[in-house]
Amino acid sequence: MNEREILLKKIRKYDFALKELNLYLDTHPYCRRALSLFKNYKKLRSDCINEFTSKYGPLRPEDNDDYQHWNWIDDLWPWERS
C-alpha cells in the first residue's frame, strides 16, 4: 500500500468513527467521553484531509482552492488505474 492509499484508508476510518459517534451522540447528547472522541477524530480527519490535499489534490470539488484549474482531472480516472 502506498502513502496515498494509507491516507485514504485513515480518512475512511475517521469518517466511519465520526458517523458512529454522531449517531451515538444523537441519543446520548451529554456523554462527555463521546463528545471528546468526536472532537478528537474530527481533528485527526481534518489533519489527514489537509495532508492528502497538499500532496495529491482535493478529494471533493469544494476542497479545490485553485479555481483556475480543476487539477483532479489530471490524474488517472478510477477505471484507468491498475
PDB file of N, CA and C in Angstrom:
ATOM      1  N   MET A   1       0.837  -1.171   0.000  1.00  0.00           N
ATOM      2  CA  MET A   1       0.000   0.000   0.000  1.00  0.00           C
ATOM      3  C   MET A   1       0.891   1.247   0.000  1.00  0.00           C
ATOM      4  N   ASN A   2       0.606   2.175  -0.905  1.00  0.00           N
ATOM      5  CA  ASN A   2       1.405   3.402  -0.957  1.00  0.00           C
ATOM      6  C   ASN A   2       0.842   4.457   0.002  1.00  0.00           C
ATOM      7  N   GLU A   3       1.554   5.572   0.126  1.00  0.00           N
ATOM      8  CA  GLU A   3       1.174   6.607   1.090  1.00  0.00           C
ATOM      9  C   GLU A   3      -0.207   7.191   0.798  1.00  0.00           C
ATOM     10  N   ARG A   4      -0.537   7.343  -0.475  1.00  0.00           N
ATOM     11  CA  ARG A   4      -1.848   7.881  -0.865  1.00  0.00           C
ATOM     12  C   ARG A   4      -2.965   6.967  -0.361  1.00  0.00           C
ATOM     13  N   GLU A   5      -2.806   5.675  -0.578  1.00  0.00           N
ATOM     14  CA  GLU A   5      -3.813   4.708  -0.137  1.00  0.00           C
ATOM     15  C   GLU A   5      -3.922   4.665   1.384  1.00  0.00           C
ATOM     16  N   ILE A   6      -2.784   4.801   2.069  1.00  0.00           N
ATOM     17  CA  ILE A   6      -2.787   4.801   3.528  1.00  0.00           C
ATOM     18  C   ILE A   6      -3.565   6.002   4.062  1.00  0.00           C
ATOM     19  N   LEU A   7      -3.349   7.183   3.461  1.00  0.00           N
ATOM     20  CA  LEU A   7      -4.088   8.372   3.882  1.00  0.00           C
ATOM     21  C   LEU A   7      -5.583   8.223   3.618  1.00  0.00           C
ATOM     22  N   LEU A   8      -5.939   7.686   2.456  1.00  0.00           N
ATOM     23  CA  LEU A   8      -7.355   7.477   2.146  1.00  0.00           C
ATOM     24  C   LEU A   8      -7.995   6.499   3.130  1.00  0.00           C
ATOM     25  N   LYS A   9      -7.260   5.464   3.497  1.00  0.00           N
ATOM     26  CA  LYS A   9      -7.781   4.491   4.460  1.00  0.00           C
ATOM     27  C   LYS A   9      -8.008   5.147   5.827  1.00  0.00           C
ATOM     28  N   LYS A  10      -7.067   5.999   6.243  1.00  0.00           N
ATOM     29  CA  LYS A  10      -7.230   6.719   7.513  1.00  0.00           C
ATOM     30  C   LYS A  10      -8.453   7.628   7.467  1.00  0.00           C
ATOM     31  N   ILE A  11      -8.623   8.344   6.365  1.00  0.00           N
ATOM     32  CA  ILE A  11      -9.771   9.245   6.222  1.00  0.00           C
ATOM     33  C   ILE A  11     -11.074   8.450   6.309  1.00  0.00           C
ATOM     34  N   ARG A  12     -11.130   7.309   5.652  1.00  0.00           N
ATOM     35  CA  ARG A  12     -12.335   6.466   5.719  1.00  0.00           C
ATOM     36  C   ARG A  12     -12.590   5.973   7.142  1.00  0.00           C
ATOM     37  N   LYS A  13     -11.517   5.605   7.862  1.00  0.00           N
ATOM     38  CA  LYS A  13     -11.675   5.163   9.252  1.00  0.00           C
ATOM     39  C   LYS A  13     -12.242   6.292  10.108  1.00  0.00           C
ATOM     40  N   TYR A  14     -11.704   7.494   9.934  1.00  0.00           N
ATOM     41  CA  TYR A  14     -12.200   8.624  10.719  1.00  0.00           C
ATOM     42  C   TYR A  14     -13.635   8.976  10.330  1.00  0.00           C
ATOM     43  N   ASP A  15     -13.971   8.879   9.052  1.00  0.00           N
ATOM     44  CA  ASP A  15     -15.346   9.117   8.613  1.00  0.00           C
ATOM     45  C   ASP A  15     -16.302   8.147   9.306  1.00  0.00           C
ATOM     46  N   PHE A  16     -15.918   6.868   9.351  1.00  0.00           N
ATOM     47  CA  PHE A  16     -16.753   5.855   9.992  1.00  0.00           C
ATOM     48  C   PHE A  16     -16.917   6.155  11.478  1.00  0.00           C
ATOM     49  N   ALA A  17     -15.807   6.446  12.159  1.00  0.00           N
ATOM     50  CA  ALA A  17     -15.858   6.729  13.595  1.00  0.00           C
ATOM     51  C   ALA A  17     -16.727   7.954  13.874  1.00  0.00           C
ATOM     52  N   LEU A  18     -16.592   9.001  13.065  1.00  0.00           N
ATOM     53  CA  LEU A  18     -17.388  10.203  13.257  1.00  0.00           C
ATOM     54  C   LEU A  18     -18.864   9.934  13.039  1.00  0.00           C
ATOM     55  N   LYS A  19     -19.204   9.139  12.041  1.00  0.00           N
ATOM     56  CA  LYS A  19     -20.612   8.816  11.791  1.00  0.00           C
ATOM     57  C   LYS A  19     -21.200   8.033  12.960  1.00  0.00           C
ATOM     58  N   GLU A  20     -20.458   7.046  13.443  1.00  0.00           N
ATOM     59  CA  GLU A  20     -20.943   6.244  14.572  1.00  0.00           C
ATOM     60  C   GLU A  20     -21.079   7.091  15.835  1.00  0.00           C
ATOM     61  N   LEU A  21     -20.090   7.932  16.095  1.00  0.00           N
ATOM     62  CA  LEU A  21     -20.180   8.802  17.264  1.00  0.00           C
ATOM     63  C   LEU A  21     -21.321   9.803  17.129  1.00  0.00           C
ATOM     64  N   ASN A  22     -21.545  10.283  15.930  1.00  0.00           N
ATOM     65  CA  ASN A  22     -22.662  11.184  15.683  1.00  0.00           C
ATOM     66  C   ASN A  22     -23.989  10.503  16.024  1.00  0.00           C
ATOM     67  N   LEU A  23     -24.153   9.267  15.581  1.00  0.00           N
ATOM     68  CA  LEU A  23     -25.376   8.526  15.897  1.00  0.00           C
ATOM     69  C   LEU A  23     -25.513   8.310  17.396  1.00  0.00           C
ATOM     70  N   TYR A  24     -24.424   7.972  18.047  1.00  0.00           N
ATOM     71  CA  TYR A  24     -24.440   7.763  19.492  1.00  0.00           C
ATOM     72  C   TYR A  24     -24.811   9.057  20.219  1.00  0.00           C
ATOM     73  N   LEU A  25     -24.212  10.160  19.794  1.00  0.00           N
ATOM     74  CA  LEU A  25     -24.491  11.440  20.439  1.00  0.00           C
ATOM     75  C   LEU A  25     -25.923  11.919  20.200  1.00  0.00           C
ATOM     76  N   ASP A  26     -26.553  11.428  19.139  1.00  0.00           N
ATOM     77  CA  ASP A  26     -27.963  11.757  18.921  1.00  0.00           C
ATOM     78  C   ASP A  26     -28.828  11.243  20.080  1.00  0.00           C
ATOM     79  N   THR A  27     -28.438  10.118  20.643  1.00  0.00           N
ATOM     80  CA  THR A  27     -29.222   9.531  21.734  1.00  0.00           C
ATOM     81  C   THR A  27     -28.584   9.734  23.111  1.00  0.00           C
ATOM     82  N   HIS A  28     -27.336  10.175  23.130  1.00  0.00           N
ATOM     83  CA  HIS A  28     -26.613  10.424  24.384  1.00  0.00           C
ATOM     84  C   HIS A  28     -25.910  11.788  24.297  1.00  0.00           C
ATOM     85  N   PRO A  29     -26.684  12.857  24.189  1.00  0.00           N
ATOM     86  CA  PRO A  29     -26.092  14.171  23.910  1.00  0.00           C
ATOM     87  C   PRO A  29     -25.198  14.730  25.020  1.00  0.00           C
ATOM     88  N   TYR A  30     -25.285  14.163  26.218  1.00  0.00           N
ATOM     89  CA  TYR A  30     -24.480  14.701  27.327  1.00  0.00           C
ATOM     90  C   TYR A  30     -23.282  13.827  27.675  1.00  0.00           C
ATOM     91  N   CYS A  31     -22.973  12.875  26.833  1.00  0.00           N
ATOM     92  CA  CYS A  31     -21.844  11.980  27.089  1.00  0.00           C
ATOM     93  C   CYS A  31     -20.542  12.724  26.746  1.00  0.00           C
ATOM     94  N   ARG A  32     -19.831  13.110  27.777  1.00  0.00           N
ATOM     95  CA  ARG A  32     -18.604  13.892  27.580  1.00  0.00           C
ATOM     96  C   ARG A  32     -17.513  13.092  26.874  1.00  0.00           C
ATOM     97  N   ARG A  33     -17.444  11.803  27.191  1.00  0.00           N
ATOM     98  CA  ARG A  33     -16.414  10.975  26.550  1.00  0.00           C
ATOM     99  C   ARG A  33     -16.648  10.872  25.047  1.00  0.00           C
ATOM    100  N   ALA A  34     -17.896  10.639  24.653  1.00  0.00           N
ATOM    101  CA  ALA A  34     -18.213  10.535  23.225  1.00  0.00           C
ATOM    102  C   ALA A  34     -17.970  11.863  22.519  1.00  0.00           C
ATOM    103  N   LEU A  35     -18.327  12.959  23.164  1.00  0.00           N
ATOM    104  CA  LEU A  35     -18.098  14.267  22.561  1.00  0.00           C
ATOM    105  C   LEU A  35     -16.601  14.549  22.410  1.00  0.00           C
ATOM    106  N   SER A  36     -15.828  14.152  23.413  1.00  0.00           N
ATOM    107  CA  SER A  36     -14.371  14.318  23.338  1.00  0.00           C
ATOM    108  C   SER A  36     -13.789  13.476  22.206  1.00  0.00           C
ATOM    109  N   LEU A  37     -14.249  12.241  22.074  1.00  0.00           N
ATOM    110  CA  LEU A  37     -13.791  11.380  20.987  1.00  0.00           C
ATOM    111  C   LEU A  37     -14.165  11.972  19.632  1.00  0.00           C
ATOM    112  N   PHE A  38     -15.394  12.501  19.528  1.00  0.00           N
ATOM    113  CA  PHE A  38     -15.846  13.108  18.287  1.00  0.00           C
ATOM    114  C   PHE A  38     -14.926  14.259  17.885  1.00  0.00           C
ATOM    115  N   LYS A  39     -14.629  15.137  18.851  1.00  0.00           N
ATOM    116  CA  LYS A  39     -13.746  16.273  18.558  1.00  0.00           C
ATOM    117  C   LYS A  39     -12.349  15.809  18.160  1.00  0.00           C
ATOM    118  N   ASN A  40     -11.852  14.785  18.837  1.00  0.00           N
ATOM    119  CA  ASN A  40     -10.525  14.254  18.534  1.00  0.00           C
ATOM    120  C   ASN A  40     -10.471  13.667  17.118  1.00  0.00           C
ATOM    121  N   TYR A  41     -11.451  12.828  16.778  1.00  0.00           N
ATOM    122  CA  TYR A  41     -11.474  12.222  15.443  1.00  0.00           C
ATOM    123  C   TYR A  41     -11.702  13.264  14.360  1.00  0.00           C
ATOM    124  N   LYS A  42     -12.482  14.294  14.676  1.00  0.00           N
ATOM    125  CA  LYS A  42     -12.710  15.359  13.704  1.00  0.00           C
ATOM    126  C   LYS A  42     -11.392  16.074  13.377  1.00  0.00           C
ATOM    127  N   LYS A  43     -10.582  16.332  14.405  1.00  0.00           N
ATOM    128  CA  LYS A  43      -9.276  16.968  14.192  1.00  0.00           C
ATOM    129  C   LYS A  43      -8.343  16.054  13.405  1.00  0.00           C
ATOM    130  N   LEU A  44      -8.305  14.766  13.779  1.00  0.00           N
ATOM    131  CA  LEU A  44      -7.449  13.822  13.065  1.00  0.00           C
ATOM    132  C   LEU A  44      -7.849  13.717  11.594  1.00  0.00           C
ATOM    133  N   ARG A  45      -9.147  13.677  11.340  1.00  0.00           N
ATOM    134  CA  ARG A  45      -9.638  13.603   9.961  1.00  0.00           C
ATOM    135  C   ARG A  45      -9.242  14.865   9.196  1.00  0.00           C
ATOM    136  N   SER A  46      -9.426  16.014   9.818  1.00  0.00           N
ATOM    137  CA  SER A  46      -9.064  17.276   9.175  1.00  0.00           C
ATOM    138  C   SER A  46      -7.573  17.314   8.844  1.00  0.00           C
ATOM    139  N   ASP A  47      -6.741  16.848   9.760  1.00  0.00           N
ATOM    140  CA  ASP A  47      -5.301  16.798   9.508  1.00  0.00           C
ATOM    141  C   ASP A  47      -4.978  15.896   8.324  1.00  0.00           C
ATOM    142  N   CYS A  48      -5.635  14.742   8.258  1.00  0.00           N
ATOM    143  CA  CYS A  48      -5.412  13.812   7.136  1.00  0.00           C
ATOM    144  C   CYS A  48      -5.885  14.422   5.819  1.00  0.00           C
ATOM    145  N   ILE A  49      -7.041  15.076   5.840  1.00  0.00           N
ATOM    146  CA  ILE A  49      -7.563  15.728   4.632  1.00  0.00           C
ATOM    147  C   ILE A  49      -6.582  16.796   4.155  1.00  0.00           C
ATOM    148  N   ASN A  50      -6.091  17.600   5.080  1.00  0.00           N
ATOM    149  CA  ASN A  50      -5.131  18.654   4.711  1.00  0.00           C
ATOM    150  C   ASN A  50      -3.851  18.059   4.139  1.00  0.00           C
ATOM    151  N   GLU A  51      -3.362  16.996   4.751  1.00  0.00           N
ATOM    152  CA  GLU A  51      -2.149  16.345   4.241  1.00  0.00           C
ATOM    153  C   GLU A  51      -2.393  15.765   2.858  1.00  0.00           C
ATOM    154  N   PHE A  52      -3.530  15.078   2.690  1.00  0.00           N
ATOM    155  CA  PHE A  52      -3.853  14.484   1.395  1.00  0.00           C
ATOM    156  C   PHE A  52      -3.959  15.575   0.327  1.00  0.00           C
ATOM    157  N   THR A  53      -4.679  16.647   0.648  1.00  0.00           N
ATOM    158  CA  THR A  53      -4.880  17.733  -0.310  1.00  0.00           C
ATOM    159  C   THR A  53      -3.568  18.381  -0.711  1.00  0.00           C
ATOM    160  N   SER A  54      -2.675  18.565   0.245  1.00  0.00           N
ATOM    161  CA  SER A  54      -1.397  19.202  -0.083  1.00  0.00           C
ATOM    162  C   SER A  54      -0.521  18.315  -0.957  1.00  0.00           C
ATOM    163  N   LYS A  55      -0.658  17.001  -0.808  1.00  0.00           N
ATOM    164  CA  LYS A  55       0.186  16.078  -1.582  1.00  0.00           C
ATOM    165  C   LYS A  55      -0.452  15.620  -2.887  1.00  0.00           C
ATOM    166  N   TYR A  56      -1.775  15.404  -2.880  1.00  0.00           N
ATOM    167  CA  TYR A  56      -2.417  14.748  -4.024  1.00  0.00           C
ATOM    168  C   TYR A  56      -3.573  15.543  -4.633  1.00  0.00           C
ATOM    169  N   GLY A  57      -3.915  16.677  -4.051  1.00  0.00           N
ATOM    170  CA  GLY A  57      -5.024  17.472  -4.555  1.00  0.00           C
ATOM    171  C   GLY A  57      -6.294  17.209  -3.766  1.00  0.00           C
ATOM    172  N   PRO A  58      -7.335  17.975  -4.059  1.00  0.00           N
ATOM    173  CA  PRO A  58      -8.577  17.889  -3.288  1.00  0.00           C
ATOM    174  C   PRO A  58      -9.312  16.568  -3.492  1.00  0.00           C
ATOM    175  N   LEU A  59     -10.022  16.158  -2.443  1.00  0.00           N
ATOM    176  CA  LEU A  59     -10.852  14.961  -2.531  1.00  0.00           C
ATOM    177  C   LEU A  59     -12.233  15.282  -3.094  1.00  0.00           C
ATOM    178  N   ARG A  60     -12.689  16.502  -2.847  1.00  0.00           N
ATOM    179  CA  ARG A  60     -14.019  16.925  -3.289  1.00  0.00           C
ATOM    180  C   ARG A  60     -13.890  18.249  -4.036  1.00  0.00           C
ATOM    181  N   PRO A  61     -14.795  18.520  -4.955  1.00  0.00           N
ATOM    182  CA  PRO A  61     -14.715  19.782  -5.700  1.00  0.00           C
ATOM    183  C   PRO A  61     -14.684  21.006  -4.795  1.00  0.00           C
ATOM    184  N   GLU A  62     -15.435  20.985  -3.707  1.00  0.00           N
ATOM    185  CA  GLU A  62     -15.474  22.154  -2.827  1.00  0.00           C
ATOM    186  C   GLU A  62     -14.182  22.356  -2.038  1.00  0.00           C
ATOM    187  N   ASP A  63     -13.275  21.367  -2.075  1.00  0.00           N
ATOM    188  CA  ASP A  63     -11.978  21.498  -1.419  1.00  0.00           C
ATOM    189  C   ASP A  63     -10.929  22.149  -2.324  1.00  0.00           C
ATOM    190  N   ASN A  64     -11.300  22.415  -3.557  1.00  0.00           N
ATOM    191  CA  ASN A  64     -10.348  22.984  -4.512  1.00  0.00           C
ATOM    192  C   ASN A  64     -10.230  24.486  -4.305  1.00  0.00           C
ATOM    193  N   ASP A  65      -9.031  24.942  -3.964  1.00  0.00           N
ATOM    194  CA  ASP A  65      -8.783  26.372  -3.791  1.00  0.00           C
ATOM    195  C   ASP A  65      -8.283  27.031  -5.072  1.00  0.00           C
ATOM    196  N   ASP A  66      -7.859  26.226  -6.021  1.00  0.00           N
ATOM    197  CA  ASP A  66      -7.321  26.746  -7.273  1.00  0.00           C
ATOM    198  C   ASP A  66      -8.430  26.743  -8.323  1.00  0.00           C
ATOM    199  N   TYR A  67      -9.177  27.842  -8.400  1.00  0.00           N
ATOM    200  CA  TYR A  67     -10.314  27.895  -9.308  1.00  0.00           C
ATOM    201  C   TYR A  67      -9.917  28.120 -10.763  1.00  0.00           C
ATOM    202  N   GLN A  68      -8.623  28.286 -10.996  1.00  0.00           N
ATOM    203  CA  GLN A  68      -8.150  28.447 -12.358  1.00  0.00           C
ATOM    204  C   GLN A  68      -7.993  27.102 -13.065  1.00  0.00           C
ATOM    205  N   HIS A  69      -7.884  26.042 -12.259  1.00  0.00           N
ATOM    206  CA  HIS A  69      -7.622  24.726 -12.846  1.00  0.00           C
ATOM    207  C   HIS A  69      -8.201  23.636 -11.940  1.00  0.00           C
ATOM    208  N   TRP A  70      -8.984  22.755 -12.498  1.00  0.00           N
ATOM    209  CA  TRP A  70      -9.564  21.640 -11.750  1.00  0.00           C
ATOM    210  C   TRP A  70      -8.590  20.476 -11.824  1.00  0.00           C
ATOM    211  N   ASN A  71      -7.613  20.457 -10.900  1.00  0.00           N
ATOM    212  CA  ASN A  71      -6.458  19.575 -11.026  1.00  0.00           C
ATOM    213  C   ASN A  71      -6.748  18.086 -10.826  1.00  0.00           C
ATOM    214  N   TRP A  72      -7.893  17.697 -10.274  1.00  0.00           N
ATOM    215  CA  TRP A  72      -8.116  16.267 -10.112  1.00  0.00           C
ATOM    216  C   TRP A  72      -8.362  15.568 -11.447  1.00  0.00           C
ATOM    217  N   ILE A  73      -8.638  16.316 -12.491  1.00  0.00           N
ATOM    218  CA  ILE A  73      -8.822  15.687 -13.793  1.00  0.00           C
ATOM    219  C   ILE A  73      -7.492  15.315 -14.441  1.00  0.00           C
ATOM    220  N   ASP A  74      -6.384  15.778 -13.859  1.00  0.00           N
ATOM    221  CA  ASP A  74      -5.063  15.455 -14.392  1.00  0.00           C
ATOM    222  C   ASP A  74      -4.624  14.038 -14.034  1.00  0.00           C
ATOM    223  N   ASP A  75      -5.193  13.488 -12.984  1.00  0.00           N
ATOM    224  CA  ASP A  75      -4.848  12.144 -12.532  1.00  0.00           C
ATOM    225  C   ASP A  75      -5.637  11.113 -13.350  1.00  0.00           C
ATOM    226  N   LEU A  76      -5.252   9.873 -13.213  1.00  0.00           N
ATOM    227  CA  LEU A  76      -5.993   8.800 -13.886  1.00  0.00           C
ATOM    228  C   LEU A  76      -7.390   8.685 -13.296  1.00  0.00           C
ATOM    229  N   TRP A  77      -8.355   8.322 -14.135  1.00  0.00           N
ATOM    230  CA  TRP A  77      -9.699   8.046 -13.654  1.00  0.00           C
ATOM    231  C   TRP A  77      -9.686   6.681 -12.963  1.00  0.00           C
ATOM    232  N   PRO A  78     -10.621   6.421 -12.049  1.00  0.00           N
ATOM    233  CA  PRO A  78     -10.592   5.151 -11.304  1.00  0.00           C
ATOM    234  C   PRO A  78     -10.500   3.912 -12.191  1.00  0.00           C
ATOM    235  N   TRP A  79     -11.180   3.896 -13.319  1.00  0.00           N
ATOM    236  CA  TRP A  79     -11.163   2.728 -14.198  1.00  0.00           C
ATOM    237  C   TRP A  79      -9.858   2.629 -15.009  1.00  0.00           C
ATOM    238  N   GLU A  80      -9.057   3.686 -14.987  1.00  0.00           N
ATOM    239  CA  GLU A  80      -7.771   3.656 -15.699  1.00  0.00           C
ATOM    240  C   GLU A  80      -6.633   3.192 -14.809  1.00  0.00           C
ATOM    241  N   ARG A  81      -6.882   3.106 -13.500  1.00  0.00           N
ATOM    242  CA  ARG A  81      -5.847   2.672 -12.569  1.00  0.00           C
ATOM    243  C   ARG A  81      -5.761   1.166 -12.557  1.00  0.00           C
ATOM    244  N   SER A  82      -4.561   0.679 -12.354  1.00  0.00           N
ATOM    245  CA  SER A  82      -4.416  -0.774 -12.309  1.00  0.00           C
ATOM    246  C   SER A  82      -4.446  -1.275 -10.887  1.00  0.00           C
TER     247      SER A  82
END
